N, C-alpha and C. Protein backbone atom coordinates (compact mmCIF):
# COMPACT_ATOMS: atom_id res chain seq x y z
N TYR A 1 -46.18 95.70 -267.21
CA TYR A 1 -46.63 95.04 -266.13
C TYR A 1 -47.51 96.05 -265.31
N GLN A 2 -48.77 95.47 -265.30
CA GLN A 2 -49.70 96.29 -264.53
C GLN A 2 -50.08 95.55 -263.33
N ARG A 3 -50.10 96.35 -262.17
CA ARG A 3 -50.56 95.90 -260.84
C ARG A 3 -52.03 96.15 -260.67
N ARG A 4 -52.64 95.20 -260.14
CA ARG A 4 -54.08 95.35 -259.91
C ARG A 4 -54.12 96.09 -258.68
N VAL A 5 -54.89 97.16 -258.55
CA VAL A 5 -55.04 97.96 -257.38
C VAL A 5 -56.57 97.77 -256.76
N ARG A 6 -56.71 97.30 -255.58
CA ARG A 6 -57.90 97.16 -255.02
C ARG A 6 -58.58 98.42 -254.66
N VAL A 7 -59.65 98.69 -255.35
CA VAL A 7 -60.28 99.93 -254.97
C VAL A 7 -61.12 99.97 -253.76
N CYS A 8 -60.75 100.64 -252.71
CA CYS A 8 -61.36 100.64 -251.42
C CYS A 8 -62.67 101.58 -251.41
N ARG A 9 -63.69 101.25 -250.87
CA ARG A 9 -64.70 102.08 -250.75
C ARG A 9 -64.32 103.30 -249.87
N SER A 10 -65.18 104.41 -249.88
CA SER A 10 -64.84 105.51 -249.20
C SER A 10 -66.07 106.16 -248.57
N LEU A 11 -65.95 106.57 -247.26
CA LEU A 11 -66.96 107.27 -246.48
C LEU A 11 -66.41 108.53 -246.05
N ILE A 12 -66.73 109.62 -246.55
CA ILE A 12 -66.05 111.04 -246.08
C ILE A 12 -67.07 111.65 -245.21
N LEU A 13 -66.60 111.83 -243.85
CA LEU A 13 -67.37 112.77 -243.10
C LEU A 13 -66.90 114.12 -243.13
N PRO A 14 -67.71 115.20 -243.67
CA PRO A 14 -67.20 116.42 -243.87
C PRO A 14 -67.01 117.24 -242.59
N ASP A 15 -66.17 118.25 -242.59
CA ASP A 15 -66.06 119.35 -241.55
C ASP A 15 -65.93 118.70 -240.23
N VAL A 16 -64.93 117.83 -239.91
CA VAL A 16 -64.83 117.31 -238.59
C VAL A 16 -63.81 118.27 -237.80
N VAL A 17 -64.10 118.71 -236.78
CA VAL A 17 -63.33 119.82 -236.11
C VAL A 17 -62.62 119.16 -234.99
N CYS A 18 -61.35 119.31 -234.85
CA CYS A 18 -60.67 118.78 -233.50
C CYS A 18 -60.99 119.83 -232.40
N GLU A 19 -61.34 119.25 -231.29
CA GLU A 19 -61.83 119.99 -230.08
C GLU A 19 -60.61 120.64 -229.38
N PHE A 20 -59.36 120.06 -229.64
CA PHE A 20 -58.21 120.53 -229.03
C PHE A 20 -57.44 121.64 -229.79
N CYS A 21 -57.16 121.50 -231.01
CA CYS A 21 -56.41 122.36 -231.89
C CYS A 21 -57.35 123.22 -232.93
N PHE A 22 -58.53 122.82 -233.01
CA PHE A 22 -59.61 123.47 -233.80
C PHE A 22 -59.25 123.25 -235.31
N ASP A 23 -58.55 122.30 -235.59
CA ASP A 23 -58.05 122.09 -237.17
C ASP A 23 -59.43 121.42 -237.69
N GLN A 24 -59.78 121.83 -238.81
CA GLN A 24 -61.01 121.33 -239.49
C GLN A 24 -60.68 120.58 -240.73
N ARG A 25 -61.22 119.48 -240.95
CA ARG A 25 -60.78 118.67 -242.20
C ARG A 25 -62.01 117.73 -242.56
N ASP A 26 -62.06 117.18 -243.77
CA ASP A 26 -63.04 116.08 -244.17
C ASP A 26 -62.22 114.78 -243.83
N VAL A 27 -62.81 113.88 -243.16
CA VAL A 27 -62.27 112.66 -242.59
C VAL A 27 -62.83 111.55 -243.40
N ASP A 28 -62.02 110.73 -244.03
CA ASP A 28 -62.27 109.55 -244.77
C ASP A 28 -62.25 108.40 -243.82
N LEU A 29 -63.35 107.85 -243.45
CA LEU A 29 -63.36 106.97 -242.40
C LEU A 29 -62.95 105.52 -242.65
N LEU A 30 -62.65 105.38 -243.96
CA LEU A 30 -62.15 104.04 -244.57
C LEU A 30 -60.77 104.12 -245.21
N ARG A 31 -60.31 105.26 -245.71
CA ARG A 31 -59.13 105.41 -246.39
C ARG A 31 -57.82 106.22 -245.60
N ASP A 32 -58.36 107.11 -244.70
CA ASP A 32 -57.47 107.74 -243.91
C ASP A 32 -56.65 106.83 -243.14
N ALA A 33 -55.23 107.08 -242.93
CA ALA A 33 -54.40 106.15 -242.39
C ALA A 33 -54.57 105.94 -240.90
N ALA A 34 -54.86 106.95 -240.18
CA ALA A 34 -55.28 106.71 -238.70
C ALA A 34 -56.57 105.96 -238.56
N CYS A 35 -57.60 106.27 -239.30
CA CYS A 35 -58.90 105.73 -239.34
C CYS A 35 -58.80 104.29 -239.66
N ALA A 36 -58.00 103.84 -240.74
CA ALA A 36 -57.89 102.48 -241.18
C ALA A 36 -57.11 101.75 -240.12
N ALA A 37 -56.34 102.27 -239.18
CA ALA A 37 -55.62 101.70 -238.13
C ALA A 37 -56.70 101.69 -236.84
N GLY A 38 -57.88 102.16 -237.04
CA GLY A 38 -58.88 102.06 -236.02
C GLY A 38 -58.90 103.17 -235.02
N ARG A 39 -58.02 104.26 -235.33
CA ARG A 39 -58.04 105.55 -234.54
C ARG A 39 -58.72 106.54 -235.11
N LEU A 40 -59.57 107.21 -234.40
CA LEU A 40 -60.31 108.48 -234.90
C LEU A 40 -59.50 109.59 -234.19
N GLU A 41 -58.61 110.19 -234.77
CA GLU A 41 -57.79 111.22 -234.14
C GLU A 41 -57.34 112.38 -235.22
N CYS A 42 -57.19 113.56 -234.74
CA CYS A 42 -56.74 114.55 -235.50
C CYS A 42 -55.32 114.38 -236.19
N SER A 43 -55.35 114.63 -237.56
CA SER A 43 -54.07 114.34 -238.15
C SER A 43 -52.97 115.45 -237.86
N ARG A 44 -53.50 116.57 -237.32
CA ARG A 44 -52.49 117.67 -236.97
C ARG A 44 -51.84 117.51 -235.54
N CYS A 45 -52.66 117.23 -234.61
CA CYS A 45 -52.29 117.05 -233.19
C CYS A 45 -52.34 115.77 -232.49
N ALA A 46 -53.03 114.84 -233.26
CA ALA A 46 -53.27 113.44 -232.78
C ALA A 46 -54.20 113.25 -231.67
N HIS A 47 -54.99 114.30 -231.35
CA HIS A 47 -55.86 114.37 -230.22
C HIS A 47 -57.15 113.58 -230.83
N PRO A 48 -57.73 112.63 -230.06
CA PRO A 48 -58.87 111.82 -230.43
C PRO A 48 -60.08 112.58 -230.65
N TYR A 49 -60.82 112.30 -231.77
CA TYR A 49 -62.08 112.96 -231.96
C TYR A 49 -63.14 112.35 -231.12
N PRO A 50 -64.07 113.05 -230.64
CA PRO A 50 -65.27 112.35 -229.87
C PRO A 50 -66.02 111.33 -230.60
N ARG A 51 -65.92 110.07 -230.12
CA ARG A 51 -66.57 108.96 -230.83
C ARG A 51 -67.99 109.15 -230.99
N VAL A 52 -68.63 109.69 -229.86
CA VAL A 52 -70.10 109.76 -229.71
C VAL A 52 -70.53 110.74 -230.80
N GLY A 53 -69.77 111.88 -230.90
CA GLY A 53 -70.22 112.80 -231.94
C GLY A 53 -70.07 112.41 -233.45
N ILE A 54 -68.94 111.74 -233.53
CA ILE A 54 -68.77 111.14 -235.03
C ILE A 54 -69.75 110.17 -235.28
N GLU A 55 -70.20 109.25 -234.39
CA GLU A 55 -71.20 108.30 -234.58
C GLU A 55 -72.59 108.92 -234.83
N ALA A 56 -72.83 109.96 -234.06
CA ALA A 56 -74.15 110.68 -234.20
C ALA A 56 -74.26 111.25 -235.61
N ARG A 57 -73.16 111.76 -236.13
CA ARG A 57 -73.08 112.40 -237.33
C ARG A 57 -73.32 111.48 -238.45
N LEU A 58 -72.69 110.30 -238.21
CA LEU A 58 -72.79 109.07 -239.22
C LEU A 58 -74.31 108.68 -239.28
N VAL A 59 -74.88 108.47 -238.14
CA VAL A 59 -76.33 108.03 -238.01
C VAL A 59 -77.23 109.21 -238.84
N THR A 60 -76.85 110.43 -238.61
CA THR A 60 -77.71 111.49 -239.23
C THR A 60 -77.45 111.32 -240.79
N MET A 61 -76.21 111.13 -241.14
CA MET A 61 -75.92 111.10 -242.56
C MET A 61 -76.69 109.81 -243.24
N LEU A 62 -76.72 108.70 -242.56
CA LEU A 62 -77.38 107.58 -243.11
C LEU A 62 -78.94 107.85 -243.20
N GLN A 63 -79.39 108.51 -242.04
CA GLN A 63 -80.93 108.67 -242.12
C GLN A 63 -81.22 109.69 -243.26
N ARG A 64 -80.37 110.67 -243.55
CA ARG A 64 -80.60 111.44 -244.57
C ARG A 64 -80.71 110.75 -245.98
N ARG A 65 -79.86 109.78 -246.19
CA ARG A 65 -79.72 109.10 -247.38
C ARG A 65 -80.90 108.21 -247.43
N VAL A 66 -81.40 107.54 -246.42
CA VAL A 66 -82.59 106.81 -246.39
C VAL A 66 -83.87 107.71 -246.98
N VAL A 67 -83.92 108.90 -246.29
CA VAL A 67 -85.04 109.75 -246.65
C VAL A 67 -84.94 110.15 -248.08
N ALA A 68 -83.71 110.41 -248.68
CA ALA A 68 -83.46 110.77 -249.97
C ALA A 68 -83.94 109.71 -250.84
N PHE A 69 -83.59 108.50 -250.45
CA PHE A 69 -84.04 107.29 -251.27
C PHE A 69 -85.48 107.11 -251.34
N GLN A 70 -86.06 107.33 -250.21
CA GLN A 70 -87.56 107.08 -250.09
C GLN A 70 -88.35 108.13 -250.87
N LEU A 71 -87.87 109.36 -250.94
CA LEU A 71 -88.59 110.45 -251.55
C LEU A 71 -88.10 110.69 -253.02
N GLN A 72 -87.38 109.77 -253.48
CA GLN A 72 -86.93 110.08 -254.92
C GLN A 72 -88.01 109.97 -255.88
N ASP A 73 -87.70 110.53 -256.97
CA ASP A 73 -88.72 110.60 -258.18
C ASP A 73 -88.79 109.29 -258.93
N VAL A 74 -89.88 108.93 -259.57
CA VAL A 74 -90.01 107.87 -260.34
C VAL A 74 -90.25 108.37 -261.62
N ARG A 75 -89.36 107.67 -262.55
CA ARG A 75 -89.35 108.25 -263.97
C ARG A 75 -89.73 107.28 -264.99
N CYS A 76 -90.00 107.71 -266.09
CA CYS A 76 -90.46 106.78 -267.27
C CYS A 76 -89.16 106.34 -267.87
N THR A 77 -89.21 105.05 -268.22
CA THR A 77 -87.87 104.44 -268.81
C THR A 77 -87.68 104.85 -270.21
N SER A 78 -88.78 105.41 -270.87
CA SER A 78 -88.67 105.79 -272.23
C SER A 78 -88.49 107.36 -272.29
N CYS A 79 -89.53 108.10 -271.96
CA CYS A 79 -89.58 109.54 -272.13
C CYS A 79 -88.94 110.30 -271.07
N LYS A 80 -88.50 109.54 -269.88
CA LYS A 80 -87.83 110.20 -268.78
C LYS A 80 -88.55 111.14 -268.04
N LEU A 81 -89.92 111.40 -268.21
CA LEU A 81 -90.73 112.28 -267.34
C LEU A 81 -90.98 111.71 -265.99
N VAL A 82 -90.94 112.71 -265.13
CA VAL A 82 -91.29 112.34 -263.75
C VAL A 82 -92.70 111.95 -263.72
N ALA A 83 -93.04 110.81 -263.09
CA ALA A 83 -94.40 110.49 -262.84
C ALA A 83 -95.04 111.22 -261.72
N ALA A 84 -96.11 111.78 -261.93
CA ALA A 84 -96.97 112.56 -260.88
C ALA A 84 -97.65 111.56 -260.02
N ASP A 85 -98.14 110.42 -260.54
CA ASP A 85 -98.80 109.43 -259.76
C ASP A 85 -97.87 108.25 -259.55
N VAL A 86 -97.31 108.18 -258.35
CA VAL A 86 -96.35 107.09 -258.05
C VAL A 86 -97.02 105.70 -257.82
N MET A 87 -98.26 105.79 -257.79
CA MET A 87 -98.94 104.39 -257.66
C MET A 87 -99.08 103.68 -258.99
N ARG A 88 -98.88 104.36 -260.16
CA ARG A 88 -98.88 103.71 -261.43
C ARG A 88 -97.53 102.99 -261.52
N SER A 89 -97.68 101.99 -262.50
CA SER A 89 -96.50 101.24 -262.97
C SER A 89 -96.08 101.59 -264.36
N THR A 90 -96.92 102.32 -264.92
CA THR A 90 -96.50 102.70 -266.41
C THR A 90 -96.84 104.22 -266.52
N CYS A 91 -96.11 104.71 -267.53
CA CYS A 91 -96.15 106.14 -267.87
C CYS A 91 -97.52 106.55 -268.29
N ARG A 92 -98.07 107.73 -267.77
CA ARG A 92 -99.28 108.29 -268.21
C ARG A 92 -99.25 108.70 -269.70
N THR A 93 -98.08 109.23 -270.14
CA THR A 93 -97.87 109.80 -271.48
C THR A 93 -97.57 108.67 -272.57
N CYS A 94 -96.68 107.71 -272.34
CA CYS A 94 -96.25 106.86 -273.37
C CYS A 94 -96.64 105.31 -272.95
N SER A 95 -97.10 105.15 -271.65
CA SER A 95 -97.44 103.84 -271.29
C SER A 95 -96.13 102.76 -271.18
N LYS A 96 -95.03 103.29 -271.09
CA LYS A 96 -93.76 102.69 -270.81
C LYS A 96 -93.63 102.35 -269.35
N PRO A 97 -92.91 101.34 -268.88
CA PRO A 97 -92.70 101.12 -267.42
C PRO A 97 -92.04 102.24 -266.73
N LEU A 98 -92.30 102.42 -265.40
CA LEU A 98 -91.59 103.34 -264.61
C LEU A 98 -90.45 102.79 -263.81
N GLU A 99 -89.53 103.58 -263.46
CA GLU A 99 -88.25 103.07 -262.70
C GLU A 99 -87.96 104.19 -261.70
N LEU A 100 -87.21 103.64 -260.78
CA LEU A 100 -86.58 104.71 -259.58
C LEU A 100 -85.50 105.45 -260.14
N GLN A 101 -85.51 106.60 -259.86
CA GLN A 101 -84.36 107.51 -260.41
C GLN A 101 -83.05 107.03 -259.87
N HIS A 102 -82.86 106.53 -258.58
CA HIS A 102 -81.65 105.87 -258.16
C HIS A 102 -81.90 104.44 -257.85
N ASP A 103 -81.00 103.66 -258.37
CA ASP A 103 -80.98 102.27 -258.29
C ASP A 103 -80.96 101.86 -256.65
N ALA A 104 -81.69 100.75 -256.49
CA ALA A 104 -81.91 100.23 -255.16
C ALA A 104 -80.65 99.45 -254.87
N GLU A 105 -80.00 98.89 -255.74
CA GLU A 105 -78.67 98.21 -255.54
C GLU A 105 -77.64 99.16 -255.07
N ARG A 106 -77.57 100.42 -255.65
CA ARG A 106 -76.66 101.38 -255.12
C ARG A 106 -76.95 101.84 -253.70
N PHE A 107 -78.24 101.78 -253.44
CA PHE A 107 -78.49 102.11 -251.98
C PHE A 107 -78.09 101.09 -250.96
N ARG A 108 -78.37 99.82 -251.47
CA ARG A 108 -77.84 98.67 -250.51
C ARG A 108 -76.38 98.65 -250.45
N SER A 109 -75.65 99.14 -251.44
CA SER A 109 -74.16 99.14 -251.56
C SER A 109 -73.69 100.22 -250.52
N SER A 110 -74.47 101.33 -250.44
CA SER A 110 -74.19 102.47 -249.51
C SER A 110 -74.41 101.80 -248.03
N LEU A 111 -75.45 101.06 -247.86
CA LEU A 111 -75.58 100.51 -246.54
C LEU A 111 -74.43 99.57 -246.19
N ARG A 112 -73.85 98.94 -247.07
CA ARG A 112 -72.76 97.92 -246.80
C ARG A 112 -71.59 98.77 -246.35
N VAL A 113 -71.43 100.00 -247.01
CA VAL A 113 -70.32 100.85 -246.62
C VAL A 113 -70.52 101.32 -245.18
N PHE A 114 -71.64 101.77 -244.98
CA PHE A 114 -71.92 102.23 -243.48
C PHE A 114 -71.84 101.02 -242.51
N GLU A 115 -72.10 99.78 -242.90
CA GLU A 115 -71.89 98.61 -242.13
C GLU A 115 -70.41 98.37 -241.79
N GLY A 116 -69.69 98.57 -242.90
CA GLY A 116 -68.17 98.42 -242.71
C GLY A 116 -67.60 99.33 -241.75
N VAL A 117 -68.03 100.68 -241.79
CA VAL A 117 -67.51 101.69 -240.96
C VAL A 117 -67.87 101.27 -239.57
N ALA A 118 -69.07 100.94 -239.37
CA ALA A 118 -69.59 100.58 -237.90
C ALA A 118 -68.93 99.46 -237.34
N ARG A 119 -68.70 98.41 -238.23
CA ARG A 119 -67.89 97.28 -237.68
C ARG A 119 -66.43 97.56 -237.31
N HIS A 120 -65.81 98.32 -238.20
CA HIS A 120 -64.41 98.65 -238.12
C HIS A 120 -64.21 99.60 -236.89
N HIS A 121 -64.96 100.44 -236.73
CA HIS A 121 -64.91 101.49 -235.47
C HIS A 121 -65.76 101.02 -234.31
N LYS A 122 -66.41 99.96 -234.40
CA LYS A 122 -67.31 99.47 -233.36
C LYS A 122 -68.27 100.49 -232.92
N PHE A 123 -68.99 101.10 -233.79
CA PHE A 123 -70.07 101.91 -233.58
C PHE A 123 -71.47 101.14 -233.51
N GLU A 124 -71.87 100.86 -232.22
CA GLU A 124 -72.98 99.97 -232.15
C GLU A 124 -74.34 100.55 -232.60
N TRP A 125 -74.56 101.80 -232.28
CA TRP A 125 -75.76 102.64 -232.63
C TRP A 125 -75.83 102.56 -234.25
N LEU A 126 -74.80 102.84 -234.86
CA LEU A 126 -74.75 102.84 -236.56
C LEU A 126 -75.06 101.55 -236.92
N SER A 127 -74.47 100.54 -236.26
CA SER A 127 -74.60 99.13 -236.61
C SER A 127 -76.15 98.65 -236.55
N ASP A 128 -76.66 99.09 -235.46
CA ASP A 128 -78.05 98.80 -235.26
C ASP A 128 -79.13 99.51 -236.28
N GLU A 129 -78.65 100.69 -236.60
CA GLU A 129 -79.44 101.36 -237.72
C GLU A 129 -79.32 100.68 -238.94
N VAL A 130 -78.08 100.33 -239.37
CA VAL A 130 -77.89 99.61 -240.65
C VAL A 130 -78.51 98.37 -240.71
N GLU A 131 -78.41 97.54 -239.62
CA GLU A 131 -79.01 96.21 -239.52
C GLU A 131 -80.60 96.37 -239.76
N THR A 132 -81.14 97.30 -239.02
CA THR A 132 -82.58 97.45 -239.21
C THR A 132 -82.97 97.86 -240.68
N LEU A 133 -82.15 98.77 -241.33
CA LEU A 133 -82.41 99.00 -242.82
C LEU A 133 -82.14 97.84 -243.65
N GLN A 134 -81.33 97.00 -243.37
CA GLN A 134 -80.96 95.94 -244.38
C GLN A 134 -82.24 94.88 -244.19
N HIS A 135 -82.90 94.81 -243.07
CA HIS A 135 -84.00 93.95 -242.95
C HIS A 135 -85.28 94.46 -243.76
N VAL A 136 -85.30 95.72 -243.85
CA VAL A 136 -86.41 96.45 -244.59
C VAL A 136 -86.30 96.40 -246.06
N THR A 137 -85.10 96.69 -246.36
CA THR A 137 -84.88 96.80 -248.00
C THR A 137 -84.62 95.32 -248.67
């Protein structure tokens, strides 16, 4: 008998420091028990984390992912060489089509994870950022 286990997405915010007991840990904003219950609090002393600081770090993390996606290399589908001229649609060496190094659907999936975190924890700024990006992509 096999049980099907629903795989939950994960969004880990690294190096979160409690302002009360100075405990430091990586917080999974979707899988951590307290976070899943809607509470952003230290697992050691139960002191709440500063919501504004958490949201600001998440927005920064999102913006860095956007920049990384926009600045990624374009590679040949055949010879895997990085294209020096990104305005071309084919490889200069073998004339095969070019593709993004990281899939656009994977990026959209990442946006949906951020959207879920913003909705679950009621982060309006993060929600606005994600909504803007979803209209662009």
